Amino acid sequence: MKIDHATIVTPQLEAVRLFFCDIVGLTAGERPPFGFDGYWLYHDGKAVIHLIKTNSERPLTKSPTRIDHIAFRVDSADEWNKLIARLQAATYEYESSEVPATGERQLFVVPTPGVMIEFVTAAA
């Protein structure tokens, strides 16, 4: 068994699509003809993020049990530096931290309310 995809429901469909395409490097691709707006975003030929448009601006109430964030591993220092440059150029705020004991570096970004994305890479 392996994880297939994550689905994000948002009223800011285009802004979230731009984040995942322009910053993360995913590509919008083929999607079944559902009766609602959305995108399937691909990495290496696989739809890994499904976006669904909602008309509600009101975020769901946070439950003590919930999925907190989605994480993407960045394999090279060059990719990591380019990611940071894209985030800064697009004026996304992010928080950086280090994983205790491993020294892995993390960036946390909130591209739209209620959605947190982590990027992680090997120790510096």
PDB file of N, CA and C in Angstrom:
ATOM      1  N   MET A   1       0.847  -1.176   0.000  1.00  0.00           N
ATOM      2  CA  MET A   1       0.000   0.000   0.000  1.00  0.00           C
ATOM      3  C   MET A   1       0.894   1.241   0.000  1.00  0.00           C
ATOM      4  N   LYS A   2       0.431   2.289  -0.686  1.00  0.00           N
ATOM      5  CA  LYS A   2       1.142   3.561  -0.692  1.00  0.00           C
ATOM      6  C   LYS A   2       0.140   4.695  -0.818  1.00  0.00           C
ATOM      7  N   ILE A   3       0.543   5.878  -0.451  1.00  0.00           N
ATOM      8  CA  ILE A   3      -0.341   7.042  -0.561  1.00  0.00           C
ATOM      9  C   ILE A   3      -0.545   7.352  -2.041  1.00  0.00           C
ATOM     10  N   ASP A   4      -1.785   7.609  -2.421  1.00  0.00           N
ATOM     11  CA  ASP A   4      -2.126   7.880  -3.816  1.00  0.00           C
ATOM     12  C   ASP A   4      -2.150   9.379  -4.112  1.00  0.00           C
ATOM     13  N   HIS A   5      -2.899  10.147  -3.325  1.00  0.00           N
ATOM     14  CA  HIS A   5      -3.005  11.586  -3.560  1.00  0.00           C
ATOM     15  C   HIS A   5      -3.553  12.266  -2.319  1.00  0.00           C
ATOM     16  N   ALA A   6      -3.473  13.595  -2.308  1.00  0.00           N
ATOM     17  CA  ALA A   6      -4.114  14.426  -1.290  1.00  0.00           C
ATOM     18  C   ALA A   6      -5.108  15.323  -2.004  1.00  0.00           C
ATOM     19  N   THR A   7      -6.238  15.593  -1.353  1.00  0.00           N
ATOM     20  CA  THR A   7      -7.255  16.477  -1.911  1.00  0.00           C
ATOM     21  C   THR A   7      -7.353  17.729  -1.049  1.00  0.00           C
ATOM     22  N   ILE A   8      -7.350  18.870  -1.714  1.00  0.00           N
ATOM     23  CA  ILE A   8      -7.485  20.153  -1.028  1.00  0.00           C
ATOM     24  C   ILE A   8      -8.743  20.821  -1.554  1.00  0.00           C
ATOM     25  N   VAL A   9      -9.630  21.195  -0.641  1.00  0.00           N
ATOM     26  CA  VAL A   9     -10.867  21.894  -0.980  1.00  0.00           C
ATOM     27  C   VAL A   9     -10.672  23.357  -0.593  1.00  0.00           C
ATOM     28  N   THR A  10     -10.883  24.260  -1.551  1.00  0.00           N
ATOM     29  CA  THR A  10     -10.587  25.671  -1.309  1.00  0.00           C
ATOM     30  C   THR A  10     -11.504  26.588  -2.120  1.00  0.00           C
ATOM     31  N   PRO A  11     -11.849  27.759  -1.569  1.00  0.00           N
ATOM     32  CA  PRO A  11     -12.561  28.752  -2.375  1.00  0.00           C
ATOM     33  C   PRO A  11     -11.602  29.509  -3.299  1.00  0.00           C
ATOM     34  N   GLN A  12     -10.290  29.393  -3.042  1.00  0.00           N
ATOM     35  CA  GLN A  12      -9.273  30.113  -3.816  1.00  0.00           C
ATOM     36  C   GLN A  12      -8.579  29.148  -4.784  1.00  0.00           C
ATOM     37  N   LEU A  13      -9.356  28.529  -5.642  1.00  0.00           N
ATOM     38  CA  LEU A  13      -8.877  27.478  -6.527  1.00  0.00           C
ATOM     39  C   LEU A  13      -7.684  27.913  -7.372  1.00  0.00           C
ATOM     40  N   GLU A  14      -7.770  29.050  -8.031  1.00  0.00           N
ATOM     41  CA  GLU A  14      -6.693  29.487  -8.921  1.00  0.00           C
ATOM     42  C   GLU A  14      -5.420  29.832  -8.154  1.00  0.00           C
ATOM     43  N   ALA A  15      -5.561  30.465  -7.000  1.00  0.00           N
ATOM     44  CA  ALA A  15      -4.379  30.813  -6.202  1.00  0.00           C
ATOM     45  C   ALA A  15      -3.657  29.559  -5.724  1.00  0.00           C
ATOM     46  N   VAL A  16      -4.401  28.550  -5.322  1.00  0.00           N
ATOM     47  CA  VAL A  16      -3.788  27.308  -4.854  1.00  0.00           C
ATOM     48  C   VAL A  16      -3.158  26.557  -6.025  1.00  0.00           C
ATOM     49  N   ARG A  17      -3.833  26.560  -7.181  1.00  0.00           N
ATOM     50  CA  ARG A  17      -3.251  25.929  -8.365  1.00  0.00           C
ATOM     51  C   ARG A  17      -1.930  26.591  -8.733  1.00  0.00           C
ATOM     52  N   LEU A  18      -1.899  27.918  -8.735  1.00  0.00           N
ATOM     53  CA  LEU A  18      -0.670  28.636  -9.064  1.00  0.00           C
ATOM     54  C   LEU A  18       0.453  28.299  -8.086  1.00  0.00           C
ATOM     55  N   PHE A  19       0.134  28.189  -6.807  1.00  0.00           N
ATOM     56  CA  PHE A  19       1.148  27.823  -5.819  1.00  0.00           C
ATOM     57  C   PHE A  19       1.760  26.470  -6.164  1.00  0.00           C
ATOM     58  N   PHE A  20       0.909  25.476  -6.386  1.00  0.00           N
ATOM     59  CA  PHE A  20       1.423  24.133  -6.642  1.00  0.00           C
ATOM     60  C   PHE A  20       2.128  24.013  -7.995  1.00  0.00           C
ATOM     61  N   CYS A  21       1.718  24.797  -8.966  1.00  0.00           N
ATOM     62  CA  CYS A  21       2.374  24.738 -10.270  1.00  0.00           C
ATOM     63  C   CYS A  21       3.631  25.607 -10.301  1.00  0.00           C
ATOM     64  N   ASP A  22       3.525  26.862  -9.873  1.00  0.00           N
ATOM     65  CA  ASP A  22       4.644  27.800  -9.975  1.00  0.00           C
ATOM     66  C   ASP A  22       5.704  27.590  -8.903  1.00  0.00           C
ATOM     67  N   ILE A  23       5.303  27.228  -7.701  1.00  0.00           N
ATOM     68  CA  ILE A  23       6.253  27.089  -6.593  1.00  0.00           C
ATOM     69  C   ILE A  23       6.716  25.643  -6.442  1.00  0.00           C
ATOM     70  N   VAL A  24       5.771  24.710  -6.383  1.00  0.00           N
ATOM     71  CA  VAL A  24       6.112  23.302  -6.149  1.00  0.00           C
ATOM     72  C   VAL A  24       6.604  22.627  -7.424  1.00  0.00           C
ATOM     73  N   GLY A  25       6.099  23.064  -8.573  1.00  0.00           N
ATOM     74  CA  GLY A  25       6.534  22.481  -9.840  1.00  0.00           C
ATOM     75  C   GLY A  25       5.637  21.378 -10.361  1.00  0.00           C
ATOM     76  N   LEU A  26       4.410  21.262  -9.820  1.00  0.00           N
ATOM     77  CA  LEU A  26       3.466  20.286 -10.343  1.00  0.00           C
ATOM     78  C   LEU A  26       2.859  20.830 -11.639  1.00  0.00           C
ATOM     79  N   THR A  27       2.195  19.960 -12.384  1.00  0.00           N
ATOM     80  CA  THR A  27       1.591  20.345 -13.655  1.00  0.00           C
ATOM     81  C   THR A  27       0.116  19.979 -13.654  1.00  0.00           C
ATOM     82  N   ALA A  28      -0.740  20.934 -14.022  1.00  0.00           N
ATOM     83  CA  ALA A  28      -2.167  20.634 -14.149  1.00  0.00           C
ATOM     84  C   ALA A  28      -2.362  19.717 -15.343  1.00  0.00           C
ATOM     85  N   GLY A  29      -3.178  18.673 -15.162  1.00  0.00           N
ATOM     86  CA  GLY A  29      -3.367  17.710 -16.230  1.00  0.00           C
ATOM     87  C   GLY A  29      -4.779  17.177 -16.288  1.00  0.00           C
ATOM     88  N   GLU A  30      -4.918  16.079 -16.991  1.00  0.00           N
ATOM     89  CA  GLU A  30      -6.221  15.469 -17.239  1.00  0.00           C
ATOM     90  C   GLU A  30      -6.953  15.173 -15.929  1.00  0.00           C
ATOM     91  N   ARG A  31      -8.268  15.430 -15.968  1.00  0.00           N
ATOM     92  CA  ARG A  31      -9.133  15.226 -14.807  1.00  0.00           C
ATOM     93  C   ARG A  31     -10.474  14.731 -15.309  1.00  0.00           C
ATOM     94  N   PRO A  32     -11.069  13.739 -14.636  1.00  0.00           N
ATOM     95  CA  PRO A  32     -12.395  13.278 -15.050  1.00  0.00           C
ATOM     96  C   PRO A  32     -13.407  14.427 -15.033  1.00  0.00           C
ATOM     97  N   PRO A  33     -14.477  14.321 -15.813  1.00  0.00           N
ATOM     98  CA  PRO A  33     -15.461  15.409 -15.909  1.00  0.00           C
ATOM     99  C   PRO A  33     -16.444  15.417 -14.726  1.00  0.00           C
ATOM    100  N   PHE A  34     -15.922  15.706 -13.539  1.00  0.00           N
ATOM    101  CA  PHE A  34     -16.777  15.815 -12.363  1.00  0.00           C
ATOM    102  C   PHE A  34     -17.743  16.988 -12.538  1.00  0.00           C
ATOM    103  N   GLY A  35     -18.766  17.046 -11.734  1.00  0.00           N
ATOM    104  CA  GLY A  35     -19.752  18.115 -11.816  1.00  0.00           C
ATOM    105  C   GLY A  35     -19.376  19.328 -10.983  1.00  0.00           C
ATOM    106  N   PHE A  36     -18.101  19.501 -10.699  1.00  0.00           N
ATOM    107  CA  PHE A  36     -17.636  20.646  -9.908  1.00  0.00           C
ATOM    108  C   PHE A  36     -16.239  21.030 -10.405  1.00  0.00           C
ATOM    109  N   ASP A  37     -15.870  22.294 -10.161  1.00  0.00           N
ATOM    110  CA  ASP A  37     -14.581  22.806 -10.624  1.00  0.00           C
ATOM    111  C   ASP A  37     -13.427  22.219  -9.814  1.00  0.00           C
ATOM    112  N   GLY A  38     -12.303  22.055 -10.473  1.00  0.00           N
ATOM    113  CA  GLY A  38     -11.125  21.573  -9.785  1.00  0.00           C
ATOM    114  C   GLY A  38      -9.994  21.303 -10.752  1.00  0.00           C
ATOM    115  N   TYR A  39      -8.906  20.813 -10.215  1.00  0.00           N
ATOM    116  CA  TYR A  39      -7.726  20.438 -10.988  1.00  0.00           C
ATOM    117  C   TYR A  39      -7.134  19.168 -10.414  1.00  0.00           C
ATOM    118  N   TRP A  40      -6.473  18.403 -11.259  1.00  0.00           N
ATOM    119  CA  TRP A  40      -5.588  17.339 -10.825  1.00  0.00           C
ATOM    120  C   TRP A  40      -4.190  17.801 -11.187  1.00  0.00           C
ATOM    121  N   LEU A  41      -3.314  17.788 -10.200  1.00  0.00           N
ATOM    122  CA  LEU A  41      -1.946  18.253 -10.383  1.00  0.00           C
ATOM    123  C   LEU A  41      -0.996  17.064 -10.344  1.00  0.00           C
ATOM    124  N   TYR A  42      -0.115  17.014 -11.338  1.00  0.00           N
ATOM    125  CA  TYR A  42       0.717  15.840 -11.579  1.00  0.00           C
ATOM    126  C   TYR A  42       2.183  16.069 -11.246  1.00  0.00           C
ATOM    127  N   HIS A  43       2.818  14.980 -10.812  1.00  0.00           N
ATOM    128  CA  HIS A  43       4.270  14.904 -10.636  1.00  0.00           C
ATOM    129  C   HIS A  43       4.718  13.559 -11.189  1.00  0.00           C
ATOM    130  N   ASP A  44       5.644  13.583 -12.121  1.00  0.00           N
ATOM    131  CA  ASP A  44       6.140  12.346 -12.752  1.00  0.00           C
ATOM    132  C   ASP A  44       5.011  11.489 -13.313  1.00  0.00           C
ATOM    133  N   GLY A  45       4.027  12.136 -13.969  1.00  0.00           N
ATOM    134  CA  GLY A  45       2.956  11.413 -14.633  1.00  0.00           C
ATOM    135  C   GLY A  45       1.845  10.908 -13.723  1.00  0.00           C
ATOM    136  N   LYS A  46       1.864  11.270 -12.451  1.00  0.00           N
ATOM    137  CA  LYS A  46       0.859  10.803 -11.489  1.00  0.00           C
ATOM    138  C   LYS A  46       0.160  11.990 -10.854  1.00  0.00           C
ATOM    139  N   ALA A  47      -1.177  11.937 -10.805  1.00  0.00           N
ATOM    140  CA  ALA A  47      -1.949  13.001 -10.151  1.00  0.00           C
ATOM    141  C   ALA A  47      -1.802  12.841  -8.638  1.00  0.00           C
ATOM    142  N   VAL A  48      -1.032  13.729  -8.012  1.00  0.00           N
ATOM    143  CA  VAL A  48      -0.732  13.605  -6.585  1.00  0.00           C
ATOM    144  C   VAL A  48      -1.517  14.585  -5.718  1.00  0.00           C
ATOM    145  N   ILE A  49      -1.981  15.685  -6.310  1.00  0.00           N
ATOM    146  CA  ILE A  49      -2.808  16.664  -5.594  1.00  0.00           C
ATOM    147  C   ILE A  49      -4.082  16.881  -6.393  1.00  0.00           C
ATOM    148  N   HIS A  50      -5.215  16.704  -5.739  1.00  0.00           N
ATOM    149  CA  HIS A  50      -6.515  17.007  -6.340  1.00  0.00           C
ATOM    150  C   HIS A  50      -7.025  18.282  -5.677  1.00  0.00           C
ATOM    151  N   LEU A  51      -7.389  19.259  -6.484  1.00  0.00           N
ATOM    152  CA  LEU A  51      -7.965  20.506  -5.974  1.00  0.00           C
ATOM    153  C   LEU A  51      -9.442  20.532  -6.302  1.00  0.00           C
ATOM    154  N   ILE A  52     -10.236  20.948  -5.326  1.00  0.00           N
ATOM    155  CA  ILE A  52     -11.686  21.062  -5.502  1.00  0.00           C
ATOM    156  C   ILE A  52     -12.105  22.454  -5.044  1.00  0.00           C
ATOM    157  N   LYS A  53     -12.894  23.117  -5.871  1.00  0.00           N
ATOM    158  CA  LYS A  53     -13.392  24.461  -5.519  1.00  0.00           C
ATOM    159  C   LYS A  53     -14.627  24.343  -4.644  1.00  0.00           C
ATOM    160  N   THR A  54     -14.622  25.131  -3.580  1.00  0.00           N
ATOM    161  CA  THR A  54     -15.803  25.275  -2.751  1.00  0.00           C
ATOM    162  C   THR A  54     -16.253  26.723  -2.840  1.00  0.00           C
ATOM    163  N   ASN A  55     -17.518  26.961  -2.629  1.00  0.00           N
ATOM    164  CA  ASN A  55     -18.021  28.334  -2.653  1.00  0.00           C
ATOM    165  C   ASN A  55     -18.061  28.947  -1.263  1.00  0.00           C
ATOM    166  N   SER A  56     -17.691  28.177  -0.264  1.00  0.00           N
ATOM    167  CA  SER A  56     -17.713  28.658   1.113  1.00  0.00           C
ATOM    168  C   SER A  56     -16.380  29.300   1.466  1.00  0.00           C
ATOM    169  N   GLU A  57     -16.423  30.511   1.965  1.00  0.00           N
ATOM    170  CA  GLU A  57     -15.218  31.188   2.451  1.00  0.00           C
ATOM    171  C   GLU A  57     -14.946  30.831   3.901  1.00  0.00           C
ATOM    172  N   ARG A  58     -15.911  30.183   4.543  1.00  0.00           N
ATOM    173  CA  ARG A  58     -15.791  29.859   5.967  1.00  0.00           C
ATOM    174  C   ARG A  58     -15.000  28.574   6.141  1.00  0.00           C
ATOM    175  N   PRO A  59     -13.843  28.648   6.830  1.00  0.00           N
ATOM    176  CA  PRO A  59     -13.076  27.422   7.040  1.00  0.00           C
ATOM    177  C   PRO A  59     -13.809  26.473   7.977  1.00  0.00           C
ATOM    178  N   LEU A  60     -13.575  25.187   7.754  1.00  0.00           N
ATOM    179  CA  LEU A  60     -14.161  24.200   8.651  1.00  0.00           C
ATOM    180  C   LEU A  60     -13.583  24.368  10.045  1.00  0.00           C
ATOM    181  N   THR A  61     -14.382  24.076  11.060  1.00  0.00           N
ATOM    182  CA  THR A  61     -13.902  24.151  12.429  1.00  0.00           C
ATOM    183  C   THR A  61     -12.804  23.112  12.630  1.00  0.00           C
ATOM    184  N   LYS A  62     -11.717  23.535  13.254  1.00  0.00           N
ATOM    185  CA  LYS A  62     -10.628  22.595  13.498  1.00  0.00           C
ATOM    186  C   LYS A  62     -11.022  21.611  14.584  1.00  0.00           C
ATOM    187  N   SER A  63     -10.774  20.381  14.296  1.00  0.00           N
ATOM    188  CA  SER A  63     -11.025  19.294  15.237  1.00  0.00           C
ATOM    189  C   SER A  63      -9.700  18.942  15.891  1.00  0.00           C
ATOM    190  N   PRO A  64      -9.728  18.419  17.117  1.00  0.00           N
ATOM    191  CA  PRO A  64      -8.467  18.005  17.722  1.00  0.00           C
ATOM    192  C   PRO A  64      -7.783  16.885  16.917  1.00  0.00           C
ATOM    193  N   THR A  65      -8.552  16.108  16.183  1.00  0.00           N
ATOM    194  CA  THR A  65      -8.003  15.082  15.304  1.00  0.00           C
ATOM    195  C   THR A  65      -8.186  15.568  13.874  1.00  0.00           C
ATOM    196  N   ARG A  66      -7.057  15.753  13.152  1.00  0.00           N
ATOM    197  CA  ARG A  66      -7.131  16.275  11.793  1.00  0.00           C
ATOM    198  C   ARG A  66      -5.812  16.015  11.099  1.00  0.00           C
ATOM    199  N   ILE A  67      -5.804  16.137   9.783  1.00  0.00           N
ATOM    200  CA  ILE A  67      -4.549  16.111   9.031  1.00  0.00           C
ATOM    201  C   ILE A  67      -3.999  17.519   9.076  1.00  0.00           C
ATOM    202  N   ASP A  68      -2.771  17.656   9.525  1.00  0.00           N
ATOM    203  CA  ASP A  68      -2.193  18.967   9.758  1.00  0.00           C
ATOM    204  C   ASP A  68      -1.552  19.571   8.513  1.00  0.00           C
ATOM    205  N   HIS A  69      -0.803  18.764   7.744  1.00  0.00           N
ATOM    206  CA  HIS A  69      -0.124  19.318   6.573  1.00  0.00           C
ATOM    207  C   HIS A  69       0.301  18.208   5.613  1.00  0.00           C
ATOM    208  N   ILE A  70       0.711  18.641   4.427  1.00  0.00           N
ATOM    209  CA  ILE A  70       1.266  17.761   3.398  1.00  0.00           C
ATOM    210  C   ILE A  70       2.744  18.143   3.288  1.00  0.00           C
ATOM    211  N   ALA A  71       3.618  17.150   3.142  1.00  0.00           N
ATOM    212  CA  ALA A  71       5.046  17.433   3.035  1.00  0.00           C
ATOM    213  C   ALA A  71       5.606  16.936   1.706  1.00  0.00           C
ATOM    214  N   PHE A  72       6.515  17.729   1.154  1.00  0.00           N
ATOM    215  CA  PHE A  72       7.236  17.377  -0.063  1.00  0.00           C
ATOM    216  C   PHE A  72       8.720  17.316   0.266  1.00  0.00           C
ATOM    217  N   ARG A  73       9.374  16.235  -0.123  1.00  0.00           N
ATOM    218  CA  ARG A  73      10.824  16.111   0.068  1.00  0.00           C
ATOM    219  C   ARG A  73      11.531  16.705  -1.137  1.00  0.00           C
ATOM    220  N   VAL A  74      12.534  17.532  -0.853  1.00  0.00           N
ATOM    221  CA  VAL A  74      13.364  18.153  -1.881  1.00  0.00           C
ATOM    222  C   VAL A  74      14.721  17.462  -1.804  1.00  0.00           C
ATOM    223  N   ASP A  75      15.150  16.869  -2.909  1.00  0.00           N
ATOM    224  CA  ASP A  75      16.311  15.989  -2.886  1.00  0.00           C
ATOM    225  C   ASP A  75      17.671  16.668  -2.965  1.00  0.00           C
ATOM    226  N   SER A  76      17.767  17.829  -3.583  1.00  0.00           N
ATOM    227  CA  SER A  76      19.092  18.429  -3.750  1.00  0.00           C
ATOM    228  C   SER A  76      19.138  19.841  -3.173  1.00  0.00           C
ATOM    229  N   ALA A  77      20.351  20.257  -2.816  1.00  0.00           N
ATOM    230  CA  ALA A  77      20.554  21.611  -2.302  1.00  0.00           C
ATOM    231  C   ALA A  77      20.190  22.649  -3.358  1.00  0.00           C
ATOM    232  N   ASP A  78      20.475  22.352  -4.627  1.00  0.00           N
ATOM    233  CA  ASP A  78      20.138  23.272  -5.712  1.00  0.00           C
ATOM    234  C   ASP A  78      18.620  23.455  -5.821  1.00  0.00           C
ATOM    235  N   GLU A  79      17.874  22.337  -5.780  1.00  0.00           N
ATOM    236  CA  GLU A  79      16.404  22.422  -5.805  1.00  0.00           C
ATOM    237  C   GLU A  79      15.894  23.215  -4.607  1.00  0.00           C
ATOM    238  N   TRP A  80      16.496  22.984  -3.439  1.00  0.00           N
ATOM    239  CA  TRP A  80      16.092  23.674  -2.203  1.00  0.00           C
ATOM    240  C   TRP A  80      16.272  25.184  -2.362  1.00  0.00           C
ATOM    241  N   ASN A  81      17.421  25.590  -2.849  1.00  0.00           N
ATOM    242  CA  ASN A  81      17.698  27.019  -3.025  1.00  0.00           C
ATOM    243  C   ASN A  81      16.772  27.650  -4.058  1.00  0.00           C
ATOM    244  N   LYS A  82      16.464  26.922  -5.118  1.00  0.00           N
ATOM    245  CA  LYS A  82      15.530  27.426  -6.133  1.00  0.00           C
ATOM    246  C   LYS A  82      14.119  27.554  -5.558  1.00  0.00           C
ATOM    247  N   LEU A  83      13.723  26.595  -4.716  1.00  0.00           N
ATOM    248  CA  LEU A  83      12.418  26.665  -4.054  1.00  0.00           C
ATOM    249  C   LEU A  83      12.322  27.926  -3.205  1.00  0.00           C
ATOM    250  N   ILE A  84      13.341  28.176  -2.410  1.00  0.00           N
ATOM    251  CA  ILE A  84      13.341  29.375  -1.559  1.00  0.00           C
ATOM    252  C   ILE A  84      13.275  30.631  -2.420  1.00  0.00           C
ATOM    253  N   ALA A  85      14.003  30.665  -3.513  1.00  0.00           N
ATOM    254  CA  ALA A  85      13.968  31.829  -4.410  1.00  0.00           C
ATOM    255  C   ALA A  85      12.573  32.037  -4.991  1.00  0.00           C
ATOM    256  N   ARG A  86      11.904  30.943  -5.384  1.00  0.00           N
ATOM    257  CA  ARG A  86      10.539  31.066  -5.933  1.00  0.00           C
ATOM    258  C   ARG A  86       9.574  31.569  -4.859  1.00  0.00           C
ATOM    259  N   LEU A  87       9.691  31.056  -3.647  1.00  0.00           N
ATOM    260  CA  LEU A  87       8.825  31.516  -2.550  1.00  0.00           C
ATOM    261  C   LEU A  87       9.032  33.003  -2.298  1.00  0.00           C
ATOM    262  N   GLN A  88      10.279  33.431  -2.251  1.00  0.00           N
ATOM    263  CA  GLN A  88      10.574  34.844  -1.993  1.00  0.00           C
ATOM    264  C   GLN A  88      10.115  35.733  -3.144  1.00  0.00           C
ATOM    265  N   ALA A  89      10.323  35.295  -4.376  1.00  0.00           N
ATOM    266  CA  ALA A  89       9.908  36.092  -5.539  1.00  0.00           C
ATOM    267  C   ALA A  89       8.394  36.257  -5.584  1.00  0.00           C
ATOM    268  N   ALA A  90       7.683  35.232  -5.142  1.00  0.00           N
ATOM    269  CA  ALA A  90       6.218  35.289  -5.137  1.00  0.00           C
ATOM    270  C   ALA A  90       5.680  35.859  -3.825  1.00  0.00           C
ATOM    271  N   THR A  91       6.555  36.302  -2.956  1.00  0.00           N
ATOM    272  CA  THR A  91       6.253  36.904  -1.651  1.00  0.00           C
ATOM    273  C   THR A  91       5.425  36.011  -0.723  1.00  0.00           C
ATOM    274  N   TYR A  92       5.666  34.703  -0.778  1.00  0.00           N
ATOM    275  CA  TYR A  92       5.044  33.799   0.195  1.00  0.00           C
ATOM    276  C   TYR A  92       5.847  33.853   1.476  1.00  0.00           C
ATOM    277  N   GLU A  93       5.145  34.009   2.586  1.00  0.00           N
ATOM    278  CA  GLU A  93       5.810  33.931   3.877  1.00  0.00           C
ATOM    279  C   GLU A  93       5.999  32.465   4.224  1.00  0.00           C
ATOM    280  N   TYR A  94       7.095  32.157   4.889  1.00  0.00           N
ATOM    281  CA  TYR A  94       7.348  30.785   5.317  1.00  0.00           C
ATOM    282  C   TYR A  94       8.133  30.801   6.616  1.00  0.00           C
ATOM    283  N   GLU A  95       8.031  29.705   7.330  1.00  0.00           N
ATOM    284  CA  GLU A  95       8.811  29.523   8.547  1.00  0.00           C
ATOM    285  C   GLU A  95       9.785  28.388   8.303  1.00  0.00           C
ATOM    286  N   SER A  96      10.999  28.558   8.788  1.00  0.00           N
ATOM    287  CA  SER A  96      11.987  27.495   8.630  1.00  0.00           C
ATOM    288  C   SER A  96      12.333  26.934   9.999  1.00  0.00           C
ATOM    289  N   SER A  97      12.705  25.669  10.006  1.00  0.00           N
ATOM    290  CA  SER A  97      13.120  25.020  11.242  1.00  0.00           C
ATOM    291  C   SER A  97      14.017  23.847  10.893  1.00  0.00           C
ATOM    292  N   GLU A  98      14.497  23.200  11.930  1.00  0.00           N
ATOM    293  CA  GLU A  98      15.374  22.046  11.764  1.00  0.00           C
ATOM    294  C   GLU A  98      14.806  20.884  12.572  1.00  0.00           C
ATOM    295  N   VAL A  99      14.852  19.695  12.000  1.00  0.00           N
ATOM    296  CA  VAL A  99      14.364  18.503  12.690  1.00  0.00           C
ATOM    297  C   VAL A  99      15.403  18.112  13.734  1.00  0.00           C
ATOM    298  N   PRO A 100      15.004  17.998  15.010  1.00  0.00           N
ATOM    299  CA  PRO A 100      15.969  17.609  16.041  1.00  0.00           C
ATOM    300  C   PRO A 100      16.604  16.253  15.725  1.00  0.00           C
ATOM    301  N   ALA A 101      17.856  16.143  16.046  1.00  0.00           N
ATOM    302  CA  ALA A 101      18.659  14.923  15.915  1.00  0.00           C
ATOM    303  C   ALA A 101      19.076  14.624  14.478  1.00  0.00           C
ATOM    304  N   THR A 102      18.228  14.895  13.475  1.00  0.00           N
ATOM    305  CA  THR A 102      18.594  14.573  12.090  1.00  0.00           C
ATOM    306  C   THR A 102      19.236  15.749  11.376  1.00  0.00           C
ATOM    307  N   GLY A 103      18.879  16.967  11.792  1.00  0.00           N
ATOM    308  CA  GLY A 103      19.396  18.157  11.133  1.00  0.00           C
ATOM    309  C   GLY A 103      18.719  18.481   9.816  1.00  0.00           C
ATOM    310  N   GLU A 104      17.699  17.694   9.439  1.00  0.00           N
ATOM    311  CA  GLU A 104      16.986  18.014   8.200  1.00  0.00           C
ATOM    312  C   GLU A 104      16.379  19.411   8.320  1.00  0.00           C
ATOM    313  N   ARG A 105      16.335  20.100   7.188  1.00  0.00           N
ATOM    314  CA  ARG A 105      15.763  21.446   7.150  1.00  0.00           C
ATOM    315  C   ARG A 105      14.316  21.383   6.687  1.00  0.00           C
ATOM    316  N   GLN A 106      13.492  22.245   7.248  1.00  0.00           N
ATOM    317  CA  GLN A 106      12.067  22.302   6.921  1.00  0.00           C
ATOM    318  C   GLN A 106      11.664  23.732   6.609  1.00  0.00           C
ATOM    319  N   LEU A 107      10.710  23.870   5.688  1.00  0.00           N
ATOM    320  CA  LEU A 107      10.021  25.137   5.435  1.00  0.00           C
ATOM    321  C   LEU A 107       8.534  24.851   5.529  1.00  0.00           C
ATOM    322  N   PHE A 108       7.796  25.722   6.190  1.00  0.00           N
ATOM    323  CA  PHE A 108       6.342  25.595   6.279  1.00  0.00           C
ATOM    324  C   PHE A 108       5.714  26.821   5.636  1.00  0.00           C
ATOM    325  N   VAL A 109       4.777  26.585   4.705  1.00  0.00           N
ATOM    326  CA  VAL A 109       4.123  27.641   3.943  1.00  0.00           C
ATOM    327  C   VAL A 109       2.614  27.431   4.034  1.00  0.00           C
ATOM    328  N   VAL A 110       1.867  28.520   4.153  1.00  0.00           N
ATOM    329  CA  VAL A 110       0.405  28.465   4.123  1.00  0.00           C
ATOM    330  C   VAL A 110      -0.046  29.240   2.882  1.00  0.00           C
ATOM    331  N   PRO A 111      -0.244  28.528   1.743  1.00  0.00           N
ATOM    332  CA  PRO A 111      -0.606  29.238   0.509  1.00  0.00           C
ATOM    333  C   PRO A 111      -2.034  29.771   0.505  1.00  0.00           C
ATOM    334  N   THR A 112      -2.886  29.201   1.336  1.00  0.00           N
ATOM    335  CA  THR A 112      -4.267  29.648   1.478  1.00  0.00           C
ATOM    336  C   THR A 112      -4.735  29.235   2.867  1.00  0.00           C
ATOM    337  N   PRO A 113      -5.635  29.978   3.490  1.00  0.00           N
ATOM    338  CA  PRO A 113      -6.059  29.628   4.845  1.00  0.00           C
ATOM    339  C   PRO A 113      -6.501  28.164   4.955  1.00  0.00           C
ATOM    340  N   GLY A 114      -6.005  27.503   5.994  1.00  0.00           N
ATOM    341  CA  GLY A 114      -6.399  26.132   6.261  1.00  0.00           C
ATOM    342  C   GLY A 114      -5.545  25.080   5.573  1.00  0.00           C
ATOM    343  N   VAL A 115      -4.558  25.499   4.771  1.00  0.00           N
ATOM    344  CA  VAL A 115      -3.706  24.548   4.048  1.00  0.00           C
ATOM    345  C   VAL A 115      -2.248  24.853   4.394  1.00  0.00           C
ATOM    346  N   MET A 116      -1.571  23.885   5.036  1.00  0.00           N
ATOM    347  CA  MET A 116      -0.155  24.053   5.333  1.00  0.00           C
ATOM    348  C   MET A 116       0.650  23.034   4.521  1.00  0.00           C
ATOM    349  N   ILE A 117       1.725  23.521   3.919  1.00  0.00           N
ATOM    350  CA  ILE A 117       2.608  22.681   3.123  1.00  0.00           C
ATOM    351  C   ILE A 117       3.993  22.738   3.755  1.00  0.00           C
ATOM    352  N   GLU A 118       4.587  21.567   3.917  1.00  0.00           N
ATOM    353  CA  GLU A 118       5.960  21.476   4.418  1.00  0.00           C
ATOM    354  C   GLU A 118       6.874  21.034   3.271  1.00  0.00           C
ATOM    355  N   PHE A 119       8.062  21.620   3.242  1.00  0.00           N
ATOM    356  CA  PHE A 119       9.117  21.157   2.366  1.00  0.00           C
ATOM    357  C   PHE A 119      10.250  20.725   3.291  1.00  0.00           C
ATOM    358  N   VAL A 120      10.840  19.582   3.012  1.00  0.00           N
ATOM    359  CA  VAL A 120      11.916  19.067   3.860  1.00  0.00           C
ATOM    360  C   VAL A 120      13.070  18.610   2.997  1.00  0.00           C
ATOM    361  N   THR A 121      14.282  18.804   3.497  1.00  0.00           N
ATOM    362  CA  THR A 121      15.470  18.372   2.767  1.00  0.00           C
ATOM    363  C   THR A 121      16.531  17.914   3.751  1.00  0.00           C
ATOM    364  N   ALA A 122      17.555  17.281   3.240  1.00  0.00           N
ATOM    365  CA  ALA A 122      18.636  16.754   4.070  1.00  0.00           C
ATOM    366  C   ALA A 122      19.339  17.887   4.814  1.00  0.00           C
ATOM    367  N   ALA A 123      20.094  17.515   5.815  1.00  0.00           N
ATOM    368  CA  ALA A 123      20.853  18.479   6.609  1.00  0.00           C
ATOM    369  C   ALA A 123      21.791  19.280   5.712  1.00  0.00           C
ATOM    370  N   ALA A 124      22.050  20.505   6.131  1.00  0.00           N
ATOM    371  CA  ALA A 124      22.925  21.397   5.361  1.00  0.00           C
ATOM    372  C   ALA A 124      24.346  20.867   5.327  1.00  0.00           C
TER     373      ALA A 124
END
